Amino acid sequence: MSLEIDIERCKGCGLCVDACPVDYLSMSSKTNNKGYFYPVRDSEKDCTGCGLCYTMCADVCIEIS
């Protein structure tokens, strides 16, 4: 299972972070080229592949494969 985030498409709404049941995602302290904070993966935790982040992302920035 792989989770990819297109940080340049992200508008920093944080819905994916709020939706993650295992706190695998958090907002970065850095911004993308548009000036938005974007989600990052927590290397200390494991993604369950539930797809809630993908479902919540209105800008289609997240891909799970």
N, C-alpha and C. Protein backbone atom coordinates (compact mmCIF):
# COMPACT_ATOMS: atom_id res chain seq x y z
N MET A 1 0.84 -1.17 0.00
CA MET A 1 0.00 0.00 0.00
C MET A 1 0.89 1.23 0.00
N SER A 2 0.53 2.19 -0.82
CA SER A 2 1.31 3.42 -0.94
C SER A 2 0.38 4.63 -0.94
N LEU A 3 0.73 5.64 -0.19
CA LEU A 3 -0.04 6.88 -0.14
C LEU A 3 0.83 7.99 -0.71
N GLU A 4 0.36 8.64 -1.75
CA GLU A 4 1.09 9.74 -2.39
C GLU A 4 0.28 11.02 -2.26
N ILE A 5 0.97 12.11 -1.97
CA ILE A 5 0.32 13.42 -1.82
C ILE A 5 0.92 14.38 -2.83
N ASP A 6 0.08 14.97 -3.66
CA ASP A 6 0.52 15.99 -4.61
C ASP A 6 0.47 17.33 -3.88
N ILE A 7 1.58 17.72 -3.27
CA ILE A 7 1.59 18.90 -2.41
C ILE A 7 1.34 20.19 -3.18
N GLU A 8 1.62 20.22 -4.45
CA GLU A 8 1.40 21.43 -5.24
C GLU A 8 -0.07 21.66 -5.57
N ARG A 9 -0.88 20.62 -5.57
CA ARG A 9 -2.33 20.77 -5.79
C ARG A 9 -3.07 21.13 -4.52
N CYS A 10 -2.44 20.87 -3.38
CA CYS A 10 -3.07 21.04 -2.07
C CYS A 10 -3.32 22.51 -1.75
N LYS A 11 -4.51 22.78 -1.16
CA LYS A 11 -4.86 24.14 -0.72
C LYS A 11 -4.86 24.25 0.80
N GLY A 12 -4.36 23.22 1.48
CA GLY A 12 -4.14 23.29 2.92
C GLY A 12 -5.39 23.29 3.78
N CYS A 13 -6.46 22.68 3.33
CA CYS A 13 -7.70 22.69 4.11
C CYS A 13 -7.60 21.84 5.38
N GLY A 14 -6.79 20.79 5.35
CA GLY A 14 -6.59 19.94 6.52
C GLY A 14 -7.66 18.88 6.73
N LEU A 15 -8.61 18.75 5.81
CA LEU A 15 -9.65 17.74 5.97
C LEU A 15 -9.09 16.33 6.00
N CYS A 16 -8.05 16.08 5.23
CA CYS A 16 -7.43 14.75 5.22
C CYS A 16 -6.80 14.43 6.58
N VAL A 17 -6.18 15.43 7.17
CA VAL A 17 -5.54 15.25 8.48
C VAL A 17 -6.61 14.95 9.53
N ASP A 18 -7.70 15.68 9.51
CA ASP A 18 -8.79 15.47 10.46
C ASP A 18 -9.45 14.10 10.28
N ALA A 19 -9.49 13.62 9.05
CA ALA A 19 -10.17 12.36 8.75
C ALA A 19 -9.35 11.12 9.11
N CYS A 20 -8.06 11.25 9.23
CA CYS A 20 -7.19 10.09 9.46
C CYS A 20 -7.39 9.53 10.87
N PRO A 21 -7.85 8.27 10.97
CA PRO A 21 -8.13 7.70 12.28
C PRO A 21 -6.88 7.31 13.07
N VAL A 22 -5.73 7.24 12.42
CA VAL A 22 -4.49 6.83 13.11
C VAL A 22 -3.46 7.95 13.19
N ASP A 23 -3.87 9.18 12.87
CA ASP A 23 -2.98 10.35 12.91
C ASP A 23 -1.71 10.15 12.09
N TYR A 24 -1.86 9.49 10.93
CA TYR A 24 -0.73 9.27 10.03
C TYR A 24 -0.34 10.55 9.30
N LEU A 25 -1.29 11.46 9.13
CA LEU A 25 -1.05 12.72 8.44
C LEU A 25 -1.04 13.88 9.42
N SER A 26 -0.21 14.85 9.12
CA SER A 26 -0.21 16.11 9.88
C SER A 26 0.14 17.22 8.89
N MET A 27 -0.10 18.45 9.28
CA MET A 27 0.20 19.57 8.39
C MET A 27 1.66 19.96 8.53
N SER A 28 2.29 20.18 7.40
CA SER A 28 3.69 20.58 7.37
C SER A 28 3.86 22.02 7.87
N SER A 29 5.03 22.33 8.34
CA SER A 29 5.33 23.72 8.72
C SER A 29 5.84 24.49 7.51
N LYS A 30 6.04 23.78 6.39
CA LYS A 30 6.47 24.40 5.14
C LYS A 30 5.26 24.63 4.25
N THR A 31 5.41 25.46 3.24
CA THR A 31 4.33 25.72 2.31
C THR A 31 4.72 25.28 0.89
N ASN A 32 3.69 25.04 0.07
CA ASN A 32 3.94 24.71 -1.33
C ASN A 32 4.17 26.01 -2.12
N ASN A 33 4.28 25.91 -3.43
CA ASN A 33 4.56 27.08 -4.26
C ASN A 33 3.44 28.12 -4.26
N LYS A 34 2.23 27.70 -3.85
CA LYS A 34 1.10 28.63 -3.79
C LYS A 34 0.97 29.28 -2.41
N GLY A 35 1.81 28.84 -1.47
CA GLY A 35 1.78 29.42 -0.13
C GLY A 35 0.89 28.69 0.86
N TYR A 36 0.43 27.49 0.51
CA TYR A 36 -0.43 26.70 1.39
C TYR A 36 0.39 25.67 2.16
N PHE A 37 0.04 25.48 3.43
CA PHE A 37 0.60 24.37 4.18
C PHE A 37 -0.02 23.09 3.64
N TYR A 38 0.71 22.01 3.62
CA TYR A 38 0.24 20.76 3.03
C TYR A 38 0.44 19.60 4.01
N PRO A 39 -0.28 18.50 3.80
CA PRO A 39 -0.14 17.35 4.70
C PRO A 39 1.14 16.57 4.42
N VAL A 40 1.68 16.01 5.47
CA VAL A 40 2.85 15.14 5.37
C VAL A 40 2.57 13.85 6.13
N ARG A 41 3.27 12.80 5.75
CA ARG A 41 3.13 11.50 6.41
C ARG A 41 4.03 11.43 7.63
N ASP A 42 3.59 10.73 8.63
CA ASP A 42 4.37 10.51 9.85
C ASP A 42 5.12 9.20 9.69
N SER A 43 6.43 9.27 9.60
CA SER A 43 7.25 8.08 9.37
C SER A 43 7.24 7.12 10.57
N GLU A 44 6.80 7.60 11.71
CA GLU A 44 6.75 6.77 12.92
C GLU A 44 5.48 5.91 12.98
N LYS A 45 4.50 6.23 12.15
CA LYS A 45 3.22 5.53 12.18
C LYS A 45 2.97 4.81 10.87
N ASP A 46 2.00 3.92 10.89
CA ASP A 46 1.64 3.16 9.70
C ASP A 46 0.26 3.57 9.20
N CYS A 47 0.15 3.71 7.90
CA CYS A 47 -1.13 4.00 7.26
C CYS A 47 -1.91 2.69 7.16
N THR A 48 -3.18 2.73 7.48
CA THR A 48 -4.02 1.53 7.40
C THR A 48 -4.63 1.34 6.01
N GLY A 49 -4.55 2.37 5.16
CA GLY A 49 -5.13 2.28 3.83
C GLY A 49 -6.64 2.40 3.82
N CYS A 50 -7.22 3.01 4.84
CA CYS A 50 -8.68 3.11 4.95
C CYS A 50 -9.29 3.98 3.85
N GLY A 51 -8.53 4.94 3.33
CA GLY A 51 -9.03 5.79 2.25
C GLY A 51 -9.81 7.01 2.67
N LEU A 52 -9.94 7.25 3.97
CA LEU A 52 -10.71 8.42 4.42
C LEU A 52 -10.05 9.73 3.97
N CYS A 53 -8.75 9.80 3.98
CA CYS A 53 -8.07 11.02 3.53
C CYS A 53 -8.36 11.28 2.05
N TYR A 54 -8.31 10.22 1.26
CA TYR A 54 -8.60 10.31 -0.17
C TYR A 54 -10.03 10.79 -0.39
N THR A 55 -10.96 10.24 0.36
CA THR A 55 -12.36 10.60 0.23
C THR A 55 -12.62 12.05 0.60
N MET A 56 -11.95 12.54 1.62
CA MET A 56 -12.17 13.91 2.11
C MET A 56 -11.50 14.98 1.25
N CYS A 57 -10.50 14.61 0.47
CA CYS A 57 -9.73 15.60 -0.29
C CYS A 57 -10.52 16.14 -1.49
N ALA A 58 -10.98 17.37 -1.37
CA ALA A 58 -11.77 18.00 -2.42
C ALA A 58 -10.93 18.35 -3.65
N ASP A 59 -9.62 18.47 -3.47
CA ASP A 59 -8.74 18.86 -4.56
C ASP A 59 -8.03 17.67 -5.22
N VAL A 60 -8.40 16.48 -4.84
CA VAL A 60 -7.86 15.24 -5.41
C VAL A 60 -6.32 15.25 -5.38
N CYS A 61 -5.79 15.49 -4.21
CA CYS A 61 -4.33 15.55 -4.02
C CYS A 61 -3.74 14.25 -3.54
N ILE A 62 -4.59 13.32 -3.12
CA ILE A 62 -4.11 12.09 -2.50
C ILE A 62 -4.45 10.90 -3.36
N GLU A 63 -3.45 10.01 -3.51
CA GLU A 63 -3.62 8.78 -4.25
C GLU A 63 -3.20 7.62 -3.37
N ILE A 64 -4.01 6.60 -3.30
CA ILE A 64 -3.67 5.40 -2.55
C ILE A 64 -3.63 4.25 -3.53
N SER A 65 -2.52 3.52 -3.51
CA SER A 65 -2.40 2.36 -4.43
C SER A 65 -1.84 1.16 -3.69
